[in-house]
Amino acid sequence: MKRFKHTASILLLATVSITFAQENNETLGALVTDRPDATEASSTVGKGVLQFETGGLYESFEANSVKSENYTFNTMLIRYGLLDNLELRLGWDFVEGITKVNGNKLDNVISGLSPLLLGMKIDISEENGAMPEIALIGHVFPIFSASADYRPEFTGVDFRLSLSHTLSEKSSLGYNIGAQWGDDSAEASAIYTLAYGYSISEKIGAYAELYGDFPEDNSANHYWDAGFTYLANNDLQFDIYFGTSITEGQDLLVGLGLSYRVRKK
């Protein structure tokens, strides 16, 4: 998931909704998601809860008259609460890459599934005064699960600590620190994110974020993004966001998506 990560998703949501009955919306409160920002939430979904987070995004970068464009059509992340403090995570993206030279599109369009994301998140501590809420997240990205066009040379692995502070009734600060290995290089990269969130109203939220990585043998990569969320109800949230890189590597990032929670019986 270089960004730290609709039709098929909607069909899947509809199928699962038939199987799982929903409880009163006030029992769990509003859902907390790991999208649209790169900062993962510092809490799990809760025992017996199934949560889908999906969307689409567009990225572009141009250098020396060569423009690379990536369309990610389904950024699906499925989260299931195995215990009150432990969730299992499954994700898969479908990506299409296009290259243009001097504005002319080349014929070698690449497309397919990125490596499968398999992982878990565990709650470590609740927020207590100056002590932040903390969770530990780990993922593995098996090589065999990717399509030929997006099959990396090495199996990917990442882990991170996710922390958050409540600043006021309307604002909060979240940040991640960790490391990742894999893709087409065996070198380790330290990763970080820092996101500020603000509740404009009971239904509309906004955020701004910095994130990036520090590879062992290459220069650091830094990015920023910002966006808005709309809480349709306690179990359904829509989002839209945009961003770019501070260092070289990304001219434009735009995306939108939705998150949907199915509660246990």
C-alpha atoms as a PDB file:
ATOM      1  CA  MET A   1       0.000   0.000   0.000  1.00  0.00           C
ATOM      2  CA  LYS A   2       2.187   2.831  -1.294  1.00  0.00           C
ATOM      3  CA  ARG A   3      -0.128   5.386   0.159  1.00  0.00           C
ATOM      4  CA  PHE A   4       0.513   3.531   3.375  1.00  0.00           C
ATOM      5  CA  LYS A   5      -3.969   1.359   0.789  1.00  0.00           C
ATOM      6  CA  HIS A   6     -16.851   0.369  -6.532  1.00  0.00           C
ATOM      7  CA  THR A   7     -19.117  -1.719  -7.998  1.00  0.00           C
ATOM      8  CA  ALA A   8     -17.742  -4.999  -6.688  1.00  0.00           C
ATOM      9  CA  SER A   9     -17.522  -3.517  -3.186  1.00  0.00           C
ATOM     10  CA  ILE A  10     -21.175  -2.448  -3.207  1.00  0.00           C
ATOM     11  CA  LEU A  11     -22.273  -5.919  -4.289  1.00  0.00           C
ATOM     12  CA  LEU A  12     -20.200  -7.472  -1.505  1.00  0.00           C
ATOM     13  CA  LEU A  13     -21.681  -5.092   1.051  1.00  0.00           C
ATOM     14  CA  ALA A  14     -25.193  -5.961  -0.067  1.00  0.00           C
ATOM     15  CA  THR A  15     -24.522  -9.704   0.209  1.00  0.00           C
ATOM     16  CA  VAL A  16     -23.081  -9.475   3.700  1.00  0.00           C
ATOM     17  CA  SER A  17     -25.878  -7.190   4.882  1.00  0.00           C
ATOM     18  CA  ILE A  18     -28.372  -9.992   4.300  1.00  0.00           C
ATOM     19  CA  THR A  19     -26.416 -12.258   6.646  1.00  0.00           C
ATOM     20  CA  PHE A  20     -25.692  -9.914   9.544  1.00  0.00           C
ATOM     21  CA  ALA A  21     -28.479  -8.201  11.505  1.00  0.00           C
ATOM     22  CA  GLN A  22     -27.817  -4.709  12.848  1.00  0.00           C
ATOM     23  CA  GLU A  23     -28.245  -3.530  16.427  1.00  0.00           C
ATOM     24  CA  ASN A  24     -29.433  -0.193  17.692  1.00  0.00           C
ATOM     25  CA  ASN A  25     -27.153   2.492  16.175  1.00  0.00           C
ATOM     26  CA  GLU A  26     -26.496   4.074  19.552  1.00  0.00           C
ATOM     27  CA  THR A  27     -24.843   0.978  21.098  1.00  0.00           C
ATOM     28  CA  LEU A  28     -21.438   1.454  19.512  1.00  0.00           C
ATOM     29  CA  GLY A  29     -21.700   5.099  18.529  1.00  0.00           C
ATOM     30  CA  ALA A  30     -20.341   6.374  15.229  1.00  0.00           C
ATOM     31  CA  LEU A  31     -17.909   4.116  13.382  1.00  0.00           C
ATOM     32  CA  VAL A  32     -14.171   4.925  13.448  1.00  0.00           C
ATOM     33  CA  THR A  33     -12.331   4.231  10.185  1.00  0.00           C
ATOM     34  CA  ASP A  34      -8.794   3.746   8.889  1.00  0.00           C
ATOM     35  CA  ARG A  35      -9.554   5.856   5.811  1.00  0.00           C
ATOM     36  CA  PRO A  36      -9.267   8.190   3.994  1.00  0.00           C
ATOM     37  CA  ASP A  37      -5.996   9.361   5.528  1.00  0.00           C
ATOM     38  CA  ALA A  38      -2.764   7.350   5.752  1.00  0.00           C
ATOM     39  CA  THR A  39      -2.974   7.437   9.564  1.00  0.00           C
ATOM     40  CA  GLU A  40      -4.499   4.231  10.901  1.00  0.00           C
ATOM     41  CA  ALA A  41      -6.968   4.613  13.783  1.00  0.00           C
ATOM     42  CA  SER A  42      -5.773   3.733  17.287  1.00  0.00           C
ATOM     43  CA  SER A  43      -8.813   1.564  18.081  1.00  0.00           C
ATOM     44  CA  THR A  44     -10.266  -1.739  16.892  1.00  0.00           C
ATOM     45  CA  VAL A  45     -13.809  -2.221  15.576  1.00  0.00           C
ATOM     46  CA  GLY A  46     -15.092  -4.285  18.519  1.00  0.00           C
ATOM     47  CA  LYS A  47     -15.929  -7.960  18.964  1.00  0.00           C
ATOM     48  CA  GLY A  48     -18.253  -9.388  16.317  1.00  0.00           C
ATOM     49  CA  VAL A  49     -18.251  -6.221  14.205  1.00  0.00           C
ATOM     50  CA  LEU A  50     -17.548  -6.426  10.475  1.00  0.00           C
ATOM     51  CA  GLN A  51     -16.428  -3.205   8.788  1.00  0.00           C
ATOM     52  CA  PHE A  52     -15.788  -2.485   5.096  1.00  0.00           C
ATOM     53  CA  GLU A  53     -13.715   0.486   3.956  1.00  0.00           C
ATOM     54  CA  THR A  54     -13.357   1.025   0.227  1.00  0.00           C
ATOM     55  CA  GLY A  55     -12.953   3.666  -2.450  1.00  0.00           C
ATOM     56  CA  GLY A  56     -11.082   4.744  -5.550  1.00  0.00           C
ATOM     57  CA  LEU A  57      -8.146   7.052  -6.150  1.00  0.00           C
ATOM     58  CA  TYR A  58      -6.085   8.663  -8.913  1.00  0.00           C
ATOM     59  CA  GLU A  59      -2.360   9.443  -8.763  1.00  0.00           C
ATOM     60  CA  SER A  60      -0.119  11.125 -11.324  1.00  0.00           C
ATOM     61  CA  PHE A  61       3.549  12.080 -11.680  1.00  0.00           C
ATOM     62  CA  GLU A  62       5.334  13.678 -14.631  1.00  0.00           C
ATOM     63  CA  ALA A  63       9.081  13.987 -15.238  1.00  0.00           C
ATOM     64  CA  ASN A  64      10.960  14.716 -18.473  1.00  0.00           C
ATOM     65  CA  SER A  65       7.752  14.627 -20.591  1.00  0.00           C
ATOM     66  CA  VAL A  66       6.868  11.154 -19.250  1.00  0.00           C
ATOM     67  CA  LYS A  67       3.648  11.055 -17.220  1.00  0.00           C
ATOM     68  CA  SER A  68       2.629   8.073 -15.097  1.00  0.00           C
ATOM     69  CA  GLU A  69      -1.007   7.728 -14.032  1.00  0.00           C
ATOM     70  CA  ASN A  70      -2.403   5.144 -11.623  1.00  0.00           C
ATOM     71  CA  TYR A  71      -6.091   4.441 -11.135  1.00  0.00           C
ATOM     72  CA  THR A  72      -6.974   2.349  -8.080  1.00  0.00           C
ATOM     73  CA  PHE A  73     -10.561   1.217  -8.515  1.00  0.00           C
ATOM     74  CA  ASN A  74     -11.180  -0.691  -5.302  1.00  0.00           C
ATOM     75  CA  THR A  75      -9.175   0.039  -2.163  1.00  0.00           C
ATOM     76  CA  MET A  76     -11.052  -2.535  -0.123  1.00  0.00           C
ATOM     77  CA  LEU A  77     -10.123  -3.117   3.528  1.00  0.00           C
ATOM     78  CA  ILE A  78     -12.222  -5.573   5.542  1.00  0.00           C
ATOM     79  CA  ARG A  79     -11.918  -5.427   9.341  1.00  0.00           C
ATOM     80  CA  TYR A  80     -13.436  -8.018  11.676  1.00  0.00           C
ATOM     81  CA  GLY A  81     -13.430  -7.842  15.487  1.00  0.00           C
ATOM     82  CA  LEU A  82     -12.324 -11.249  16.741  1.00  0.00           C
ATOM     83  CA  LEU A  83     -12.133  -9.995  20.341  1.00  0.00           C
ATOM     84  CA  ASP A  84     -12.975  -6.751  22.108  1.00  0.00           C
ATOM     85  CA  ASN A  85      -9.358  -5.623  21.611  1.00  0.00           C
ATOM     86  CA  LEU A  86      -8.294  -7.594  18.502  1.00  0.00           C
ATOM     87  CA  GLU A  87      -9.323  -7.274  14.861  1.00  0.00           C
ATOM     88  CA  LEU A  88      -8.343  -9.221  11.745  1.00  0.00           C
ATOM     89  CA  ARG A  89      -7.659  -7.284   8.528  1.00  0.00           C
ATOM     90  CA  LEU A  90      -7.944  -8.244   4.853  1.00  0.00           C
ATOM     91  CA  GLY A  91      -7.336  -5.909   1.914  1.00  0.00           C
ATOM     92  CA  TRP A  92      -6.905  -6.016  -1.861  1.00  0.00           C
ATOM     93  CA  ASP A  93      -6.576  -3.253  -4.470  1.00  0.00           C
ATOM     94  CA  PHE A  94      -7.229  -3.348  -8.210  1.00  0.00           C
ATOM     95  CA  VAL A  95      -4.889  -0.948 -10.022  1.00  0.00           C
ATOM     96  CA  GLU A  96      -4.453   0.240 -13.615  1.00  0.00           C
ATOM     97  CA  GLY A  97      -1.280   2.044 -14.690  1.00  0.00           C
ATOM     98  CA  ILE A  98      -0.977   4.264 -17.774  1.00  0.00           C
ATOM     99  CA  THR A  99       2.121   5.931 -19.234  1.00  0.00           C
ATOM    100  CA  LYS A 100       2.047   8.965 -21.518  1.00  0.00           C
ATOM    101  CA  VAL A 101       5.012  10.412 -23.421  1.00  0.00           C
ATOM    102  CA  ASN A 102       4.590  13.994 -24.634  1.00  0.00           C
ATOM    103  CA  GLY A 103       0.848  13.585 -24.061  1.00  0.00           C
ATOM    104  CA  ASN A 104       0.594  10.395 -26.139  1.00  0.00           C
ATOM    105  CA  LYS A 105      -0.717   7.325 -24.341  1.00  0.00           C
ATOM    106  CA  LEU A 106       1.433   4.199 -24.737  1.00  0.00           C
ATOM    107  CA  ASP A 107      -0.127   0.830 -25.498  1.00  0.00           C
ATOM    108  CA  ASN A 108       1.507  -0.997 -22.583  1.00  0.00           C
ATOM    109  CA  VAL A 109      -1.265  -0.407 -20.025  1.00  0.00           C
ATOM    110  CA  ILE A 110      -0.721  -2.511 -16.922  1.00  0.00           C
ATOM    111  CA  SER A 111      -3.511  -3.630 -14.617  1.00  0.00           C
ATOM    112  CA  GLY A 112      -4.311  -6.160 -11.958  1.00  0.00           C
ATOM    113  CA  LEU A 113      -4.486  -6.885  -8.256  1.00  0.00           C
ATOM    114  CA  SER A 114      -1.849  -5.594  -5.881  1.00  0.00           C
ATOM    115  CA  PRO A 115      -0.553  -8.000  -3.195  1.00  0.00           C
ATOM    116  CA  LEU A 116      -3.152  -9.141  -0.680  1.00  0.00           C
ATOM    117  CA  LEU A 117      -3.019  -7.430   2.713  1.00  0.00           C
ATOM    118  CA  LEU A 118      -3.271  -9.818   5.676  1.00  0.00           C
ATOM    119  CA  GLY A 119      -2.968  -8.433   9.162  1.00  0.00           C
ATOM    120  CA  MET A 120      -4.268  -7.659  12.610  1.00  0.00           C
ATOM    121  CA  LYS A 121      -4.661  -4.749  15.012  1.00  0.00           C
ATOM    122  CA  ILE A 122      -4.577  -5.011  18.786  1.00  0.00           C
ATOM    123  CA  ASP A 123      -5.509  -2.364  21.357  1.00  0.00           C
ATOM    124  CA  ILE A 124      -2.698  -1.655  23.834  1.00  0.00           C
ATOM    125  CA  SER A 125      -3.995   1.160  26.017  1.00  0.00           C
ATOM    126  CA  GLU A 126      -6.834   3.667  26.318  1.00  0.00           C
ATOM    127  CA  GLU A 127      -6.276   7.404  26.467  1.00  0.00           C
ATOM    128  CA  ASN A 128      -5.616   8.622  29.999  1.00  0.00           C
ATOM    129  CA  GLY A 129      -4.644  12.253  30.465  1.00  0.00           C
ATOM    130  CA  ALA A 130      -1.371  12.865  28.644  1.00  0.00           C
ATOM    131  CA  MET A 131      -1.124   9.154  27.797  1.00  0.00           C
ATOM    132  CA  PRO A 132      -2.447   8.575  24.240  1.00  0.00           C
ATOM    133  CA  GLU A 133      -4.676   5.790  23.040  1.00  0.00           C
ATOM    134  CA  ILE A 134      -2.349   3.185  21.494  1.00  0.00           C
ATOM    135  CA  ALA A 135      -2.801   0.233  19.120  1.00  0.00           C
ATOM    136  CA  LEU A 136      -0.306  -2.066  17.381  1.00  0.00           C
ATOM    137  CA  ILE A 137      -0.891  -2.970  13.706  1.00  0.00           C
ATOM    138  CA  GLY A 138       0.942  -5.520  11.548  1.00  0.00           C
ATOM    139  CA  HIS A 139       0.514  -6.645   7.917  1.00  0.00           C
ATOM    140  CA  VAL A 140       2.057  -9.088   5.467  1.00  0.00           C
ATOM    141  CA  PHE A 141       1.689  -8.851   1.651  1.00  0.00           C
ATOM    142  CA  PRO A 142       2.279 -12.282   0.020  1.00  0.00           C
ATOM    143  CA  ILE A 143       3.915 -12.191  -3.427  1.00  0.00           C
ATOM    144  CA  PHE A 144       1.739 -14.970  -4.872  1.00  0.00           C
ATOM    145  CA  SER A 145      -1.462 -13.001  -4.254  1.00  0.00           C
ATOM    146  CA  ALA A 146      -0.626 -10.243  -6.774  1.00  0.00           C
ATOM    147  CA  SER A 147      -1.323 -10.149 -10.513  1.00  0.00           C
ATOM    148  CA  ALA A 148       1.709 -10.481 -12.808  1.00  0.00           C
ATOM    149  CA  ASP A 149       1.911  -6.751 -13.556  1.00  0.00           C
ATOM    150  CA  TYR A 150       2.024  -5.880  -9.833  1.00  0.00           C
ATOM    151  CA  ARG A 151       3.926  -8.848  -8.427  1.00  0.00           C
ATOM    152  CA  PRO A 152       6.862  -7.519  -6.354  1.00  0.00           C
ATOM    153  CA  GLU A 153      10.237  -9.150  -5.972  1.00  0.00           C
ATOM    154  CA  PHE A 154       9.961  -9.467  -2.187  1.00  0.00           C
ATOM    155  CA  THR A 155       7.170 -10.264   0.257  1.00  0.00           C
ATOM    156  CA  GLY A 156       6.056  -7.076   1.966  1.00  0.00           C
ATOM    157  CA  VAL A 157       5.796  -6.695   5.738  1.00  0.00           C
ATOM    158  CA  ASP A 158       4.921  -3.664   7.835  1.00  0.00           C
ATOM    159  CA  PHE A 159       4.102  -2.814  11.416  1.00  0.00           C
ATOM    160  CA  ARG A 160       3.258   0.391  13.210  1.00  0.00           C
ATOM    161  CA  LEU A 161       2.150   1.869  16.496  1.00  0.00           C
ATOM    162  CA  SER A 162      -0.965   3.996  16.117  1.00  0.00           C
ATOM    163  CA  LEU A 163      -1.464   6.720  18.734  1.00  0.00           C
ATOM    164  CA  SER A 164      -4.053   9.451  19.227  1.00  0.00           C
ATOM    165  CA  HIS A 165      -4.857  12.351  21.560  1.00  0.00           C
ATOM    166  CA  THR A 166      -8.164  14.137  22.113  1.00  0.00           C
ATOM    167  CA  LEU A 167      -7.402  17.872  21.928  1.00  0.00           C
ATOM    168  CA  SER A 168     -10.924  19.186  22.478  1.00  0.00           C
ATOM    169  CA  GLU A 169     -14.557  18.203  21.939  1.00  0.00           C
ATOM    170  CA  LYS A 170     -14.112  18.902  18.224  1.00  0.00           C
ATOM    171  CA  SER A 171     -10.459  18.147  17.475  1.00  0.00           C
ATOM    172  CA  SER A 172      -7.956  15.320  17.769  1.00  0.00           C
ATOM    173  CA  LEU A 173      -4.419  14.396  16.774  1.00  0.00           C
ATOM    174  CA  GLY A 174      -3.396  10.985  15.437  1.00  0.00           C
ATOM    175  CA  TYR A 175       0.009   9.678  14.445  1.00  0.00           C
ATOM    176  CA  ASN A 176       1.697   6.429  13.402  1.00  0.00           C
ATOM    177  CA  ILE A 177       5.313   5.320  13.634  1.00  0.00           C
ATOM    178  CA  GLY A 178       6.709   2.048  12.311  1.00  0.00           C
ATOM    179  CA  ALA A 179       8.640   0.318   9.572  1.00  0.00           C
ATOM    180  CA  GLN A 180       8.046  -1.561   6.327  1.00  0.00           C
ATOM    181  CA  TRP A 181       9.916  -4.010   4.103  1.00  0.00           C
ATOM    182  CA  GLY A 182       9.221  -5.407   0.660  1.00  0.00           C
ATOM    183  CA  ASP A 183       7.908  -4.419  -2.761  1.00  0.00           C
ATOM    184  CA  ASP A 184      10.848  -4.332  -5.187  1.00  0.00           C
ATOM    185  CA  SER A 185      13.511  -3.722  -2.546  1.00  0.00           C
ATOM    186  CA  ALA A 186      14.653  -5.643   0.512  1.00  0.00           C
ATOM    187  CA  GLU A 187      15.655  -2.470   2.359  1.00  0.00           C
ATOM    188  CA  ALA A 188      13.745  -1.359   5.433  1.00  0.00           C
ATOM    189  CA  SER A 189      11.952   1.981   5.559  1.00  0.00           C
ATOM    190  CA  ALA A 190      10.868   3.845   8.658  1.00  0.00           C
ATOM    191  CA  ILE A 191       7.334   5.229   8.223  1.00  0.00           C
ATOM    192  CA  TYR A 192       5.454   8.046   9.899  1.00  0.00           C
ATOM    193  CA  THR A 193       2.097   9.831   9.717  1.00  0.00           C
ATOM    194  CA  LEU A 194       0.659  12.846  11.539  1.00  0.00           C
ATOM    195  CA  ALA A 195      -2.995  13.845  11.119  1.00  0.00           C
ATOM    196  CA  TYR A 196      -5.118  16.606  12.662  1.00  0.00           C
ATOM    197  CA  GLY A 197      -8.880  16.062  12.630  1.00  0.00           C
ATOM    198  CA  TYR A 198     -11.662  18.574  13.263  1.00  0.00           C
ATOM    199  CA  SER A 199     -15.441  18.111  13.554  1.00  0.00           C
ATOM    200  CA  ILE A 200     -17.142  20.866  11.584  1.00  0.00           C
ATOM    201  CA  SER A 201     -20.537  19.524  12.649  1.00  0.00           C
ATOM    202  CA  GLU A 202     -22.028  16.295  13.988  1.00  0.00           C
ATOM    203  CA  LYS A 203     -21.902  14.829  10.480  1.00  0.00           C
ATOM    204  CA  ILE A 204     -19.055  16.629   8.673  1.00  0.00           C
ATOM    205  CA  GLY A 205     -15.385  16.275   9.570  1.00  0.00           C
ATOM    206  CA  ALA A 206     -12.142  17.554   8.058  1.00  0.00           C
ATOM    207  CA  TYR A 207      -8.500  16.570   8.355  1.00  0.00           C
ATOM    208  CA  ALA A 208      -5.007  17.562   7.233  1.00  0.00           C
ATOM    209  CA  GLU A 209      -2.054  15.195   7.277  1.00  0.00           C
ATOM    210  CA  LEU A 210       1.678  14.745   6.709  1.00  0.00           C
ATOM    211  CA  TYR A 211       3.120  11.289   6.049  1.00  0.00           C
ATOM    212  CA  GLY A 212       6.153   9.625   4.502  1.00  0.00           C
ATOM    213  CA  ASP A 213       8.996   7.157   4.801  1.00  0.00           C
ATOM    214  CA  PHE A 214      12.765   7.015   5.289  1.00  0.00           C
ATOM    215  CA  PRO A 215      14.373   4.173   3.240  1.00  0.00           C
ATOM    216  CA  GLU A 216      17.724   2.841   4.427  1.00  0.00           C
ATOM    217  CA  ASP A 217      19.589   3.432   1.165  1.00  0.00           C
ATOM    218  CA  ASN A 218      17.524   6.122  -0.578  1.00  0.00           C
ATOM    219  CA  SER A 219      16.268   9.625   0.067  1.00  0.00           C
ATOM    220  CA  ALA A 220      13.199  10.236   2.203  1.00  0.00           C
ATOM    221  CA  ASN A 221       9.710  10.632   0.727  1.00  0.00           C
ATOM    222  CA  HIS A 222       7.256  13.134   2.228  1.00  0.00           C
ATOM    223  CA  TYR A 223       3.607  13.754   1.309  1.00  0.00           C
ATOM    224  CA  TRP A 224       0.585  15.724   2.488  1.00  0.00           C
ATOM    225  CA  ASP A 225      -3.135  15.291   2.025  1.00  0.00           C
ATOM    226  CA  ALA A 226      -6.394  16.731   3.317  1.00  0.00           C
ATOM    227  CA  GLY A 227     -10.045  15.844   3.037  1.00  0.00           C
ATOM    228  CA  PHE A 228     -13.575  15.712   4.372  1.00  0.00           C
ATOM    229  CA  THR A 229     -15.850  13.017   5.771  1.00  0.00           C
ATOM    230  CA  TYR A 230     -19.649  12.871   5.894  1.00  0.00           C
ATOM    231  CA  LEU A 231     -21.340  10.608   8.453  1.00  0.00           C
ATOM    232  CA  ALA A 232     -24.639   9.575   6.851  1.00  0.00           C
ATOM    233  CA  ASN A 233     -25.473   7.525   9.952  1.00  0.00           C
ATOM    234  CA  ASN A 234     -23.519   5.794  12.720  1.00  0.00           C
ATOM    235  CA  ASP A 235     -22.662   2.884  10.407  1.00  0.00           C
ATOM    236  CA  LEU A 236     -22.068   4.646   7.076  1.00  0.00           C
ATOM    237  CA  GLN A 237     -19.466   7.298   6.230  1.00  0.00           C
ATOM    238  CA  PHE A 238     -18.421   8.892   2.925  1.00  0.00           C
ATOM    239  CA  ASP A 239     -15.111  10.655   2.279  1.00  0.00           C
ATOM    240  CA  ILE A 240     -13.238  12.730  -0.294  1.00  0.00           C
ATOM    241  CA  TYR A 241      -9.592  13.817  -0.226  1.00  0.00           C
ATOM    242  CA  PHE A 242      -6.707  15.276  -2.248  1.00  0.00           C
ATOM    243  CA  GLY A 243      -2.955  15.720  -1.876  1.00  0.00           C
ATOM    244  CA  THR A 244       0.498  15.696  -3.418  1.00  0.00           C
ATOM    245  CA  SER A 245       4.121  15.035  -2.498  1.00  0.00           C
ATOM    246  CA  ILE A 246       6.444  17.479  -0.773  1.00  0.00           C
ATOM    247  CA  THR A 247       9.456  15.674  -2.202  1.00  0.00           C
ATOM    248  CA  GLU A 248       9.489  14.449  -5.815  1.00  0.00           C
ATOM    249  CA  GLY A 249       7.226  11.553  -6.714  1.00  0.00           C
ATOM    250  CA  GLN A 250       3.565  12.575  -6.821  1.00  0.00           C
ATOM    251  CA  ASP A 251       2.018  15.557  -8.612  1.00  0.00           C
ATOM    252  CA  LEU A 252      -1.603  14.854  -7.704  1.00  0.00           C
ATOM    253  CA  LEU A 253      -3.633  12.514  -5.536  1.00  0.00           C
ATOM    254  CA  VAL A 254      -7.451  12.592  -5.465  1.00  0.00           C
ATOM    255  CA  GLY A 255      -9.823  10.000  -4.104  1.00  0.00           C
ATOM    256  CA  LEU A 256     -13.202   9.229  -2.604  1.00  0.00           C
ATOM    257  CA  GLY A 257     -14.759   6.340  -0.788  1.00  0.00           C
ATOM    258  CA  LEU A 258     -17.106   4.960   1.822  1.00  0.00           C
ATOM    259  CA  SER A 259     -16.991   2.923   5.001  1.00  0.00           C
ATOM    260  CA  TYR A 260     -19.805   0.672   6.197  1.00  0.00           C
ATOM    261  CA  ARG A 261     -20.185  -1.231   9.482  1.00  0.00           C
ATOM    262  CA  VAL A 262     -22.197  -4.424   9.968  1.00  0.00           C
ATOM    263  CA  ARG A 263     -22.848  -5.256  13.611  1.00  0.00           C
ATOM    264  CA  LYS A 264     -23.074  -8.648  15.281  1.00  0.00           C
ATOM    265  CA  LYS A 265     -26.483 -10.184  15.944  1.00  0.00           C
END
